[in-house]
Amino acid sequence: MKKPSESASNLKEIINHAIQDLEVTPDEYQKIMDCAHDDGHIDKEEKALLSHFHEMISNGTIKRVKG
């Protein structure tokens, strides 16, 4: 099985940190998006992480709050 990229591992870490309290601030959201785009390529693992993250926002599991 292919090992996830370093950028995907970093993205997972940042997302997990941001959602610990089930809220994400604009700064946290921007940090997540910046991390995903840092290397100029969104690989399969990063797409899956971002998809799951956005799904959790859409279904109300995670709330976007003002900073």
Protein backbone atom coordinates (compact mmCIF):
# COMPACT_ATOMS: atom_id res chain seq x y z
CA MET A 1 0.00 0.00 0.00
CA LYS A 2 1.29 3.44 -0.94
CA LYS A 3 2.39 5.67 1.94
CA PRO A 4 0.55 9.04 2.14
CA SER A 5 2.58 12.05 1.08
CA GLU A 6 4.24 14.26 3.67
CA SER A 7 1.93 17.11 2.72
CA ALA A 8 -1.12 14.86 3.24
CA SER A 9 0.20 13.88 6.67
CA ASN A 10 0.72 17.55 7.56
CA LEU A 11 -2.76 18.40 6.31
CA LYS A 12 -4.30 15.62 8.41
CA GLU A 13 -2.48 16.91 11.48
CA ILE A 14 -3.70 20.49 10.92
CA ILE A 15 -7.30 19.38 10.27
CA ASN A 16 -7.33 17.19 13.38
CA HIS A 17 -5.99 20.06 15.48
CA ALA A 18 -8.54 22.51 14.07
CA ILE A 19 -11.55 20.26 14.69
CA GLN A 20 -10.76 19.11 18.22
CA ASP A 21 -13.42 21.45 19.58
CA LEU A 22 -15.76 20.89 16.58
CA GLU A 23 -15.27 24.51 15.54
CA VAL A 24 -13.03 26.04 12.92
CA THR A 25 -12.05 29.70 12.85
CA PRO A 26 -11.33 31.61 9.63
CA ASP A 27 -7.60 31.49 10.48
CA GLU A 28 -7.69 27.71 10.97
CA TYR A 29 -9.66 27.26 7.75
CA GLN A 30 -7.15 29.38 5.82
CA LYS A 31 -4.24 27.45 7.33
CA ILE A 32 -5.83 24.20 6.15
CA MET A 33 -6.36 25.54 2.62
CA ASP A 34 -2.83 26.96 2.50
CA CYS A 35 -1.36 23.63 3.61
CA ALA A 36 -3.32 21.77 0.93
CA HIS A 37 -2.00 24.10 -1.77
CA ASP A 38 1.58 24.55 -0.44
CA ASP A 39 3.23 22.17 -2.87
CA GLY A 40 1.12 23.30 -5.84
CA HIS A 41 -0.52 19.87 -6.14
CA ILE A 42 -3.46 18.31 -4.32
CA ASP A 43 -2.89 14.57 -4.30
CA LYS A 44 -5.45 11.81 -3.75
CA GLU A 45 -4.96 11.70 0.02
CA GLU A 46 -5.29 15.47 0.36
CA LYS A 47 -8.47 15.45 -1.76
CA ALA A 48 -9.96 12.80 0.51
CA LEU A 49 -9.03 14.75 3.66
CA LEU A 50 -10.44 18.01 2.29
CA SER A 51 -13.60 16.26 1.11
CA HIS A 52 -14.20 14.75 4.54
CA PHE A 53 -13.43 18.08 6.23
CA HIS A 54 -15.89 19.96 4.01
CA GLU A 55 -18.50 17.24 4.50
CA MET A 56 -18.21 17.67 8.28
CA ILE A 57 -18.75 21.42 7.85
CA SER A 58 -21.73 20.87 5.52
CA ASN A 59 -23.49 18.42 7.80
CA GLY A 60 -22.95 20.56 10.90
CA THR A 61 -20.47 18.31 12.69
CA ILE A 62 -17.97 21.17 12.55
CA LYS A 63 -19.14 24.74 12.86
CA ARG A 64 -17.34 27.65 11.21
CA VAL A 65 -17.04 30.42 13.75
CA LYS A 66 -15.82 33.99 13.63
CA GLY A 67 -12.22 34.45 14.68
